[in-house]
Amino acid sequence: MKLTSLVSVVLLAVFSALSAAEPTTAAEAAAKKAAEDQRFDSLYQAKVATLSPERQAWEKILQENLGNAFYLPIHKRDFVKGTATAWDFVVNDPKLPRVLLIGDSVSRGYTLAVRAALAGKANVHRAPENCGPTANGLKKLEVWLGAGKWDLIHFNFGIHDRATPLADYTDRLTKIVTRLQATGAKLTWASTTPIPDDLAKKQSSVSIVERNTVAAAIMAKHAVALDDLFTAIKPQLATLQNPNDVHFTSAGYGFLGREVAAAVSSQLK
C-alpha cells in the first residue's frame, strides 16, 4: 500500500473514532467546534506532509487564499475525508489544453461537473478561492493565473458586484479583460446567473440584468466569447435553484457544468 493511501486510511480511522457528547450550551458548542477544527487541522497537516512538493505548494496557495473563516476549514475537512472538490490538485495531461475557471461560489459549484464533462479533453483548474467581486479580481489575478500557460480562461464576476456602481463595474471588468487577454489565452465570459429579490440581503434581480448588459457590451468590444448561463438556466430556476437563494441544487450545478463544458469545448475547437 502506498504511503499516501496508508495515511488516508489511518486518518479516516482516527476521524471516525472521534466523538463527543452533544453540547448543551452555546459555549459548549463553540468549544466543541474549536476542538474539532483543531483535530481536523492536525489530520490535515499530517496528510499534507506526505504529499509531493508540487502538491504541497498547491495546498499552501489554498491556505493563503481560501480564508480561515469559512472555505479553508471546509477544505481541510474534505481533504482529510478524501472528498473530491473544486480545489483538488489537477495533474496535467501535457497532451491536453489547460483551462482555468474564475468565479464565485456558483462557479465553484459547477467546477466538478465541468471536469467530469471534459475528462480526457482538457485539464480543468479553478482559481484558489471564491473570487468575489471585480475589486478582488484586480487584486488577485496574478495569484490566480500563476506561472503556467493557459489555453482558455472561463470567467465571471457579478453576484458580488450587485451593489457596485455600474461605472466602477465597467472600469474594473474592462481592466480584468485587458489583463486576461495579455495571457494569450482564449477567453469566455459567463453571464451571471439570476438571483432572487431579497431586501434583507440587499439583493435585486434587476441588478444582475443590469450588470450582464454592461458585461455583454464589454465582451463584444473586446471580442470575448459569451457563455450565456443566465439565459440557459432562467427557465428552469424553479427546479434547479435553491429556494430564496443565489445558489443551485446538485442538479442545477450539473446543468451549469454541462453548459460551461460545451462552451469551453466550442472555443477549444
C-alpha atoms as a PDB file:
ATOM      1  CA  MET A   1       0.000   0.000   0.000  1.00  0.00           C
ATOM      2  CA  LYS A   2       1.334   3.437  -0.929  1.00  0.00           C
ATOM      3  CA  LEU A   3       2.265   5.752   1.946  1.00  0.00           C
ATOM      4  CA  THR A   4      -0.383   8.333   0.986  1.00  0.00           C
ATOM      5  CA  SER A   5      -3.076   5.622   0.862  1.00  0.00           C
ATOM      6  CA  LEU A   6      -1.977   4.229   4.227  1.00  0.00           C
ATOM      7  CA  VAL A   7      -2.010   7.687   5.782  1.00  0.00           C
ATOM      8  CA  SER A   8      -5.502   8.310   4.380  1.00  0.00           C
ATOM      9  CA  VAL A   9      -6.776   5.060   5.894  1.00  0.00           C
ATOM     10  CA  VAL A  10      -5.242   5.889   9.268  1.00  0.00           C
ATOM     11  CA  LEU A  11      -6.579   9.444   9.238  1.00  0.00           C
ATOM     12  CA  LEU A  12     -10.065   8.325   8.319  1.00  0.00           C
ATOM     13  CA  ALA A  13      -9.969   5.718  11.085  1.00  0.00           C
ATOM     14  CA  VAL A  14      -8.952   8.398  13.580  1.00  0.00           C
ATOM     15  CA  PHE A  15     -11.665  10.705  12.257  1.00  0.00           C
ATOM     16  CA  SER A  16     -14.328   8.001  12.595  1.00  0.00           C
ATOM     17  CA  ALA A  17     -13.244   7.315  16.182  1.00  0.00           C
ATOM     18  CA  LEU A  18     -13.581  10.938  17.235  1.00  0.00           C
ATOM     19  CA  SER A  19     -16.852  11.508  19.083  1.00  0.00           C
ATOM     20  CA  ALA A  20     -18.180  13.576  21.944  1.00  0.00           C
ATOM     21  CA  ALA A  21     -21.432  14.263  23.743  1.00  0.00           C
ATOM     22  CA  GLU A  22     -23.729  16.765  22.089  1.00  0.00           C
ATOM     23  CA  PRO A  23     -23.186  20.285  23.512  1.00  0.00           C
ATOM     24  CA  THR A  24     -25.957  21.741  25.644  1.00  0.00           C
ATOM     25  CA  THR A  25     -24.944  25.413  25.611  1.00  0.00           C
ATOM     26  CA  ALA A  26     -23.589  27.874  23.076  1.00  0.00           C
ATOM     27  CA  ALA A  27     -20.276  27.942  24.931  1.00  0.00           C
ATOM     28  CA  GLU A  28     -20.024  24.164  24.807  1.00  0.00           C
ATOM     29  CA  ALA A  29     -20.897  24.183  21.099  1.00  0.00           C
ATOM     30  CA  ALA A  30     -18.204  26.767  20.411  1.00  0.00           C
ATOM     31  CA  ALA A  31     -15.652  24.801  22.414  1.00  0.00           C
ATOM     32  CA  LYS A  32     -16.548  21.589  20.599  1.00  0.00           C
ATOM     33  CA  LYS A  33     -16.250  23.271  17.212  1.00  0.00           C
ATOM     34  CA  ALA A  34     -12.859  24.724  18.131  1.00  0.00           C
ATOM     35  CA  ALA A  35     -11.656  21.301  19.263  1.00  0.00           C
ATOM     36  CA  GLU A  36     -12.942  19.650  16.080  1.00  0.00           C
ATOM     37  CA  ASP A  37     -11.294  22.316  13.937  1.00  0.00           C
ATOM     38  CA  GLN A  38      -8.021  21.715  15.757  1.00  0.00           C
ATOM     39  CA  ARG A  39      -8.259  17.953  15.286  1.00  0.00           C
ATOM     40  CA  PHE A  40      -9.003  18.329  11.595  1.00  0.00           C
ATOM     41  CA  ASP A  41      -6.143  20.781  11.220  1.00  0.00           C
ATOM     42  CA  SER A  42      -3.773  18.248  12.765  1.00  0.00           C
ATOM     43  CA  LEU A  43      -5.064  15.487  10.487  1.00  0.00           C
ATOM     44  CA  TYR A  44      -4.822  17.822   7.503  1.00  0.00           C
ATOM     45  CA  GLN A  45      -1.235  18.837   8.272  1.00  0.00           C
ATOM     46  CA  ALA A  46      -0.226  15.184   8.673  1.00  0.00           C
ATOM     47  CA  LYS A  47      -1.731  14.275   5.311  1.00  0.00           C
ATOM     48  CA  VAL A  48      -0.194  17.280   3.546  1.00  0.00           C
ATOM     49  CA  ALA A  49       3.229  16.253   4.882  1.00  0.00           C
ATOM     50  CA  THR A  50       3.017  13.067   2.792  1.00  0.00           C
ATOM     51  CA  LEU A  51       2.426  14.917  -0.484  1.00  0.00           C
ATOM     52  CA  SER A  52       4.889  15.722  -3.242  1.00  0.00           C
ATOM     53  CA  PRO A  53       6.471  19.209  -3.185  1.00  0.00           C
ATOM     54  CA  GLU A  54       4.234  20.292  -6.088  1.00  0.00           C
ATOM     55  CA  ARG A  55       1.074  19.272  -4.286  1.00  0.00           C
ATOM     56  CA  GLN A  56       2.259  20.828  -1.048  1.00  0.00           C
ATOM     57  CA  ALA A  57       2.811  24.077  -2.938  1.00  0.00           C
ATOM     58  CA  TRP A  58      -0.806  23.967  -4.139  1.00  0.00           C
ATOM     59  CA  GLU A  59      -2.057  23.393  -0.596  1.00  0.00           C
ATOM     60  CA  LYS A  60      -0.021  26.393   0.534  1.00  0.00           C
ATOM     61  CA  ILE A  61      -1.710  28.543  -2.112  1.00  0.00           C
ATOM     62  CA  LEU A  62      -5.102  27.361  -0.878  1.00  0.00           C
ATOM     63  CA  GLN A  63      -4.137  28.076   2.731  1.00  0.00           C
ATOM     64  CA  GLU A  64      -3.163  31.618   1.776  1.00  0.00           C
ATOM     65  CA  ASN A  65      -6.273  32.366  -0.284  1.00  0.00           C
ATOM     66  CA  LEU A  66      -9.316  30.387   0.877  1.00  0.00           C
ATOM     67  CA  GLY A  67      -9.722  32.333   4.100  1.00  0.00           C
ATOM     68  CA  ASN A  68      -9.702  30.920   7.627  1.00  0.00           C
ATOM     69  CA  ALA A  69     -13.254  31.985   8.423  1.00  0.00           C
ATOM     70  CA  PHE A  70     -15.157  29.734   6.017  1.00  0.00           C
ATOM     71  CA  TYR A  71     -13.666  27.996   2.992  1.00  0.00           C
ATOM     72  CA  LEU A  72     -10.338  26.810   4.402  1.00  0.00           C
ATOM     73  CA  PRO A  73     -11.859  24.797   7.298  1.00  0.00           C
ATOM     74  CA  ILE A  74     -14.267  23.200   4.812  1.00  0.00           C
ATOM     75  CA  HIS A  75     -11.379  22.374   2.502  1.00  0.00           C
ATOM     76  CA  LYS A  76      -9.382  20.789   5.323  1.00  0.00           C
ATOM     77  CA  ARG A  77     -12.270  18.538   6.315  1.00  0.00           C
ATOM     78  CA  ASP A  78     -12.936  17.486   2.718  1.00  0.00           C
ATOM     79  CA  PHE A  79      -9.231  16.880   2.162  1.00  0.00           C
ATOM     80  CA  VAL A  80      -8.945  14.667   5.246  1.00  0.00           C
ATOM     81  CA  LYS A  81     -12.022  12.694   4.204  1.00  0.00           C
ATOM     82  CA  GLY A  82     -10.765  12.327   0.647  1.00  0.00           C
ATOM     83  CA  THR A  83     -13.809  14.089  -0.798  1.00  0.00           C
ATOM     84  CA  ALA A  84     -13.419  15.385  -4.352  1.00  0.00           C
ATOM     85  CA  THR A  85     -13.783  19.174  -4.513  1.00  0.00           C
ATOM     86  CA  ALA A  86     -13.367  22.071  -6.917  1.00  0.00           C
ATOM     87  CA  TRP A  87      -9.974  22.809  -5.348  1.00  0.00           C
ATOM     88  CA  ASP A  88      -8.417  19.406  -5.888  1.00  0.00           C
ATOM     89  CA  PHE A  89      -4.875  19.407  -7.242  1.00  0.00           C
ATOM     90  CA  VAL A  90      -5.012  18.856 -11.003  1.00  0.00           C
ATOM     91  CA  VAL A  91      -2.422  16.592 -12.586  1.00  0.00           C
ATOM     92  CA  ASN A  92      -1.962  17.992 -16.071  1.00  0.00           C
ATOM     93  CA  ASP A  93      -2.006  15.734 -19.092  1.00  0.00           C
ATOM     94  CA  PRO A  94       0.548  17.520 -21.314  1.00  0.00           C
ATOM     95  CA  LYS A  95      -1.368  16.443 -24.418  1.00  0.00           C
ATOM     96  CA  LEU A  96      -4.494  18.327 -23.322  1.00  0.00           C
ATOM     97  CA  PRO A  97      -5.251  22.075 -23.142  1.00  0.00           C
ATOM     98  CA  ARG A  98      -5.242  23.850 -19.786  1.00  0.00           C
ATOM     99  CA  VAL A  99      -8.460  25.576 -18.773  1.00  0.00           C
ATOM    100  CA  LEU A 100      -8.875  27.985 -15.845  1.00  0.00           C
ATOM    101  CA  LEU A 101     -12.240  28.727 -14.224  1.00  0.00           C
ATOM    102  CA  ILE A 102     -12.550  32.064 -12.415  1.00  0.00           C
ATOM    103  CA  GLY A 103     -15.687  32.911 -10.476  1.00  0.00           C
ATOM    104  CA  ASP A 104     -17.571  32.932  -7.197  1.00  0.00           C
ATOM    105  CA  SER A 105     -19.335  30.142  -5.278  1.00  0.00           C
ATOM    106  CA  VAL A 106     -21.612  29.411  -8.236  1.00  0.00           C
ATOM    107  CA  SER A 107     -18.528  28.774 -10.354  1.00  0.00           C
ATOM    108  CA  ARG A 108     -17.132  26.630  -7.577  1.00  0.00           C
ATOM    109  CA  GLY A 109     -20.383  24.683  -7.559  1.00  0.00           C
ATOM    110  CA  TYR A 110     -20.191  23.674 -11.200  1.00  0.00           C
ATOM    111  CA  THR A 111     -16.426  23.012 -11.352  1.00  0.00           C
ATOM    112  CA  LEU A 112     -16.632  19.261 -10.686  1.00  0.00           C
ATOM    113  CA  ALA A 113     -19.345  18.877 -13.325  1.00  0.00           C
ATOM    114  CA  VAL A 114     -17.141  20.701 -15.843  1.00  0.00           C
ATOM    115  CA  ARG A 115     -14.215  18.409 -15.024  1.00  0.00           C
ATOM    116  CA  ALA A 116     -16.385  15.356 -15.457  1.00  0.00           C
ATOM    117  CA  ALA A 117     -17.743  16.553 -18.796  1.00  0.00           C
ATOM    118  CA  LEU A 118     -14.266  17.454 -20.104  1.00  0.00           C
ATOM    119  CA  ALA A 119     -12.422  14.406 -18.761  1.00  0.00           C
ATOM    120  CA  GLY A 120      -9.888  13.334 -21.372  1.00  0.00           C
ATOM    121  CA  LYS A 121     -10.427  16.577 -23.274  1.00  0.00           C
ATOM    122  CA  ALA A 122      -8.962  19.305 -21.047  1.00  0.00           C
ATOM    123  CA  ASN A 123      -7.116  19.902 -17.774  1.00  0.00           C
ATOM    124  CA  VAL A 124      -9.691  21.913 -15.813  1.00  0.00           C
ATOM    125  CA  HIS A 125      -8.298  24.083 -12.999  1.00  0.00           C
ATOM    126  CA  ARG A 126     -10.004  26.737 -10.921  1.00  0.00           C
ATOM    127  CA  ALA A 127      -8.850  29.830  -9.078  1.00  0.00           C
ATOM    128  CA  PRO A 128      -7.887  29.049  -5.446  1.00  0.00           C
ATOM    129  CA  GLU A 129     -10.720  30.953  -3.786  1.00  0.00           C
ATOM    130  CA  ASN A 130     -14.222  32.344  -4.065  1.00  0.00           C
ATOM    131  CA  CYS A 131     -13.179  35.096  -6.456  1.00  0.00           C
ATOM    132  CA  GLY A 132     -15.812  37.551  -5.250  1.00  0.00           C
ATOM    133  CA  PRO A 133     -16.210  40.999  -6.839  1.00  0.00           C
ATOM    134  CA  THR A 134     -14.210  42.717  -9.576  1.00  0.00           C
ATOM    135  CA  ALA A 135     -12.304  44.692  -6.940  1.00  0.00           C
ATOM    136  CA  ASN A 136     -10.895  41.421  -5.606  1.00  0.00           C
ATOM    137  CA  GLY A 137     -10.201  40.269  -9.140  1.00  0.00           C
ATOM    138  CA  LEU A 138      -7.919  43.222  -9.763  1.00  0.00           C
ATOM    139  CA  LYS A 139      -6.016  42.418  -6.569  1.00  0.00           C
ATOM    140  CA  LYS A 140      -5.718  38.675  -7.046  1.00  0.00           C
ATOM    141  CA  LEU A 141      -5.485  37.974 -10.794  1.00  0.00           C
ATOM    142  CA  GLU A 142      -1.746  37.339 -10.691  1.00  0.00           C
ATOM    143  CA  VAL A 143      -2.188  34.724  -7.949  1.00  0.00           C
ATOM    144  CA  TRP A 144      -4.996  33.015  -9.860  1.00  0.00           C
ATOM    145  CA  LEU A 145      -3.103  33.000 -13.152  1.00  0.00           C
ATOM    146  CA  GLY A 146       0.050  31.554 -11.610  1.00  0.00           C
ATOM    147  CA  ALA A 147       3.096  30.807 -13.736  1.00  0.00           C
ATOM    148  CA  GLY A 148       1.667  28.324 -16.247  1.00  0.00           C
ATOM    149  CA  LYS A 149       0.272  28.942 -19.707  1.00  0.00           C
ATOM    150  CA  TRP A 150      -3.500  28.836 -20.115  1.00  0.00           C
ATOM    151  CA  ASP A 151      -5.227  27.819 -23.322  1.00  0.00           C
ATOM    152  CA  LEU A 152      -8.641  29.085 -22.227  1.00  0.00           C
ATOM    153  CA  ILE A 153      -9.932  31.131 -19.293  1.00  0.00           C
ATOM    154  CA  HIS A 154     -13.648  30.984 -18.444  1.00  0.00           C
ATOM    155  CA  PHE A 155     -14.544  33.799 -16.040  1.00  0.00           C
ATOM    156  CA  ASN A 156     -17.364  35.651 -14.298  1.00  0.00           C
ATOM    157  CA  PHE A 157     -17.885  38.499 -11.848  1.00  0.00           C
ATOM    158  CA  GLY A 158     -21.386  39.639 -10.993  1.00  0.00           C
ATOM    159  CA  ILE A 159     -23.243  38.460  -7.896  1.00  0.00           C
ATOM    160  CA  HIS A 160     -20.686  40.029  -5.567  1.00  0.00           C
ATOM    161  CA  ASP A 161     -20.803  43.187  -7.692  1.00  0.00           C
ATOM    162  CA  ARG A 162     -24.567  43.614  -7.444  1.00  0.00           C
ATOM    163  CA  ALA A 163     -24.083  46.789  -5.363  1.00  0.00           C
ATOM    164  CA  THR A 164     -21.020  48.023  -7.250  1.00  0.00           C
ATOM    165  CA  PRO A 165     -21.804  51.249  -9.145  1.00  0.00           C
ATOM    166  CA  LEU A 166     -22.084  50.459 -12.846  1.00  0.00           C
ATOM    167  CA  ALA A 167     -19.317  52.906 -13.734  1.00  0.00           C
ATOM    168  CA  ASP A 168     -16.926  51.161 -11.327  1.00  0.00           C
ATOM    169  CA  TYR A 169     -18.024  47.725 -12.521  1.00  0.00           C
ATOM    170  CA  THR A 170     -17.379  48.755 -16.115  1.00  0.00           C
ATOM    171  CA  ASP A 171     -13.938  50.125 -15.336  1.00  0.00           C
ATOM    172  CA  ARG A 172     -12.817  47.145 -13.245  1.00  0.00           C
ATOM    173  CA  LEU A 173     -14.183  44.493 -15.589  1.00  0.00           C
ATOM    174  CA  THR A 174     -12.524  46.198 -18.560  1.00  0.00           C
ATOM    175  CA  LYS A 175      -9.178  46.129 -16.755  1.00  0.00           C
ATOM    176  CA  ILE A 176      -9.653  42.452 -15.917  1.00  0.00           C
ATOM    177  CA  VAL A 177     -10.412  41.595 -19.546  1.00  0.00           C
ATOM    178  CA  THR A 178      -7.341  43.510 -20.694  1.00  0.00           C
ATOM    179  CA  ARG A 179      -5.114  41.603 -18.259  1.00  0.00           C
ATOM    180  CA  LEU A 180      -6.599  38.240 -19.193  1.00  0.00           C
ATOM    181  CA  GLN A 181      -6.155  38.926 -22.897  1.00  0.00           C
ATOM    182  CA  ALA A 182      -2.482  39.634 -22.241  1.00  0.00           C
ATOM    183  CA  THR A 183      -2.070  35.960 -21.261  1.00  0.00           C
ATOM    184  CA  GLY A 184      -2.704  34.917 -24.854  1.00  0.00           C
ATOM    185  CA  ALA A 185      -5.435  32.523 -23.748  1.00  0.00           C
ATOM    186  CA  LYS A 186      -8.822  32.315 -25.403  1.00  0.00           C
ATOM    187  CA  LEU A 187     -11.412  33.974 -23.169  1.00  0.00           C
ATOM    188  CA  THR A 188     -15.002  33.040 -22.414  1.00  0.00           C
ATOM    189  CA  TRP A 189     -17.214  35.274 -20.286  1.00  0.00           C
ATOM    190  CA  ALA A 190     -20.011  33.609 -18.311  1.00  0.00           C
ATOM    191  CA  SER A 191     -23.045  35.809 -17.799  1.00  0.00           C
ATOM    192  CA  THR A 192     -24.065  35.993 -14.145  1.00  0.00           C
ATOM    193  CA  THR A 193     -26.826  33.611 -13.129  1.00  0.00           C
ATOM    194  CA  PRO A 194     -30.135  35.003 -11.794  1.00  0.00           C
ATOM    195  CA  ILE A 195     -30.640  35.906  -8.147  1.00  0.00           C
ATOM    196  CA  PRO A 196     -33.922  36.336  -6.250  1.00  0.00           C
ATOM    197  CA  ASP A 197     -35.121  39.650  -4.887  1.00  0.00           C
ATOM    198  CA  ASP A 198     -34.304  39.876  -1.174  1.00  0.00           C
ATOM    199  CA  LEU A 199     -34.361  43.270   0.513  1.00  0.00           C
ATOM    200  CA  ALA A 200     -32.875  41.916   3.739  1.00  0.00           C
ATOM    201  CA  LYS A 201     -29.782  40.730   1.849  1.00  0.00           C
ATOM    202  CA  LYS A 202     -29.770  43.800  -0.412  1.00  0.00           C
ATOM    203  CA  GLN A 203     -30.355  41.577  -3.435  1.00  0.00           C
ATOM    204  CA  SER A 204     -32.156  42.711  -6.551  1.00  0.00           C
ATOM    205  CA  SER A 205     -32.757  40.534  -9.586  1.00  0.00           C
ATOM    206  CA  VAL A 206     -32.604  43.665 -11.731  1.00  0.00           C
ATOM    207  CA  SER A 207     -29.039  44.376 -10.579  1.00  0.00           C
ATOM    208  CA  ILE A 208     -27.845  41.200 -12.318  1.00  0.00           C
ATOM    209  CA  VAL A 209     -29.656  42.050 -15.546  1.00  0.00           C
ATOM    210  CA  GLU A 210     -28.001  45.482 -15.498  1.00  0.00           C
ATOM    211  CA  ARG A 211     -24.525  44.059 -14.935  1.00  0.00           C
ATOM    212  CA  ASN A 212     -24.986  41.370 -17.544  1.00  0.00           C
ATOM    213  CA  THR A 213     -25.889  44.095 -20.025  1.00  0.00           C
ATOM    214  CA  VAL A 214     -22.757  46.071 -19.155  1.00  0.00           C
ATOM    215  CA  ALA A 215     -20.591  42.968 -19.301  1.00  0.00           C
ATOM    216  CA  ALA A 216     -22.012  41.897 -22.676  1.00  0.00           C
ATOM    217  CA  ALA A 217     -21.057  45.265 -24.159  1.00  0.00           C
ATOM    218  CA  ILE A 218     -17.510  44.999 -22.791  1.00  0.00           C
ATOM    219  CA  MET A 219     -17.089  41.469 -24.133  1.00  0.00           C
ATOM    220  CA  ALA A 220     -18.416  42.448 -27.550  1.00  0.00           C
ATOM    221  CA  LYS A 221     -15.986  45.359 -27.678  1.00  0.00           C
ATOM    222  CA  HIS A 222     -13.063  43.088 -26.805  1.00  0.00           C
ATOM    223  CA  ALA A 223     -14.208  40.131 -28.955  1.00  0.00           C
ATOM    224  CA  VAL A 224     -14.602  37.822 -25.940  1.00  0.00           C
ATOM    225  CA  ALA A 225     -16.867  34.785 -26.376  1.00  0.00           C
ATOM    226  CA  LEU A 226     -20.095  34.661 -24.320  1.00  0.00           C
ATOM    227  CA  ASP A 227     -21.334  31.694 -22.308  1.00  0.00           C
ATOM    228  CA  ASP A 228     -24.862  32.892 -21.512  1.00  0.00           C
ATOM    229  CA  LEU A 229     -25.578  30.931 -18.348  1.00  0.00           C
ATOM    230  CA  PHE A 230     -28.244  33.450 -17.292  1.00  0.00           C
ATOM    231  CA  THR A 231     -30.418  32.738 -20.317  1.00  0.00           C
ATOM    232  CA  ALA A 232     -29.725  28.999 -20.252  1.00  0.00           C
ATOM    233  CA  ILE A 233     -30.866  28.392 -16.688  1.00  0.00           C
ATOM    234  CA  LYS A 234     -33.509  31.090 -16.198  1.00  0.00           C
ATOM    235  CA  PRO A 235     -36.452  28.977 -17.474  1.00  0.00           C
ATOM    236  CA  GLN A 236     -35.520  26.205 -15.007  1.00  0.00           C
ATOM    237  CA  LEU A 237     -34.950  28.180 -11.810  1.00  0.00           C
ATOM    238  CA  ALA A 238     -37.970  26.645 -10.082  1.00  0.00           C
ATOM    239  CA  THR A 239     -36.403  23.195 -10.206  1.00  0.00           C
ATOM    240  CA  LEU A 240     -32.658  23.916 -10.357  1.00  0.00           C
ATOM    241  CA  GLN A 241     -32.110  26.831  -7.923  1.00  0.00           C
ATOM    242  CA  ASN A 242     -32.403  26.599  -4.143  1.00  0.00           C
ATOM    243  CA  PRO A 243     -35.454  28.482  -2.800  1.00  0.00           C
ATOM    244  CA  ASN A 244     -34.702  32.133  -1.995  1.00  0.00           C
ATOM    245  CA  ASP A 245     -31.011  31.596  -2.690  1.00  0.00           C
ATOM    246  CA  VAL A 246     -28.447  32.559  -5.320  1.00  0.00           C
ATOM    247  CA  HIS A 247     -27.077  29.006  -5.271  1.00  0.00           C
ATOM    248  CA  PHE A 248     -28.256  25.893  -7.047  1.00  0.00           C
ATOM    249  CA  THR A 249     -29.187  22.302  -6.347  1.00  0.00           C
ATOM    250  CA  SER A 250     -26.812  19.493  -7.329  1.00  0.00           C
ATOM    251  CA  ALA A 251     -28.899  19.055 -10.490  1.00  0.00           C
ATOM    252  CA  GLY A 252     -28.568  22.783 -11.145  1.00  0.00           C
ATOM    253  CA  TYR A 253     -24.799  22.680 -10.863  1.00  0.00           C
ATOM    254  CA  GLY A 254     -24.758  19.641 -13.114  1.00  0.00           C
ATOM    255  CA  PHE A 255     -26.755  21.598 -15.693  1.00  0.00           C
ATOM    256  CA  LEU A 256     -24.456  24.618 -15.438  1.00  0.00           C
ATOM    257  CA  GLY A 257     -21.370  22.419 -15.599  1.00  0.00           C
ATOM    258  CA  ARG A 258     -22.518  20.851 -18.843  1.00  0.00           C
ATOM    259  CA  GLU A 259     -23.275  24.284 -20.290  1.00  0.00           C
ATOM    260  CA  VAL A 260     -19.802  25.523 -19.342  1.00  0.00           C
ATOM    261  CA  ALA A 261     -18.158  22.394 -20.725  1.00  0.00           C
ATOM    262  CA  ALA A 262     -19.968  22.833 -24.026  1.00  0.00           C
ATOM    263  CA  ALA A 263     -18.875  26.468 -24.250  1.00  0.00           C
ATOM    264  CA  VAL A 264     -15.275  25.554 -23.433  1.00  0.00           C
ATOM    265  CA  SER A 265     -15.251  22.712 -25.966  1.00  0.00           C
ATOM    266  CA  SER A 266     -16.584  25.019 -28.657  1.00  0.00           C
ATOM    267  CA  GLN A 267     -13.846  27.544 -28.012  1.00  0.00           C
ATOM    268  CA  LEU A 268     -11.066  24.957 -27.865  1.00  0.00           C
ATOM    269  CA  LYS A 269     -12.049  23.621 -31.288  1.00  0.00           C
END
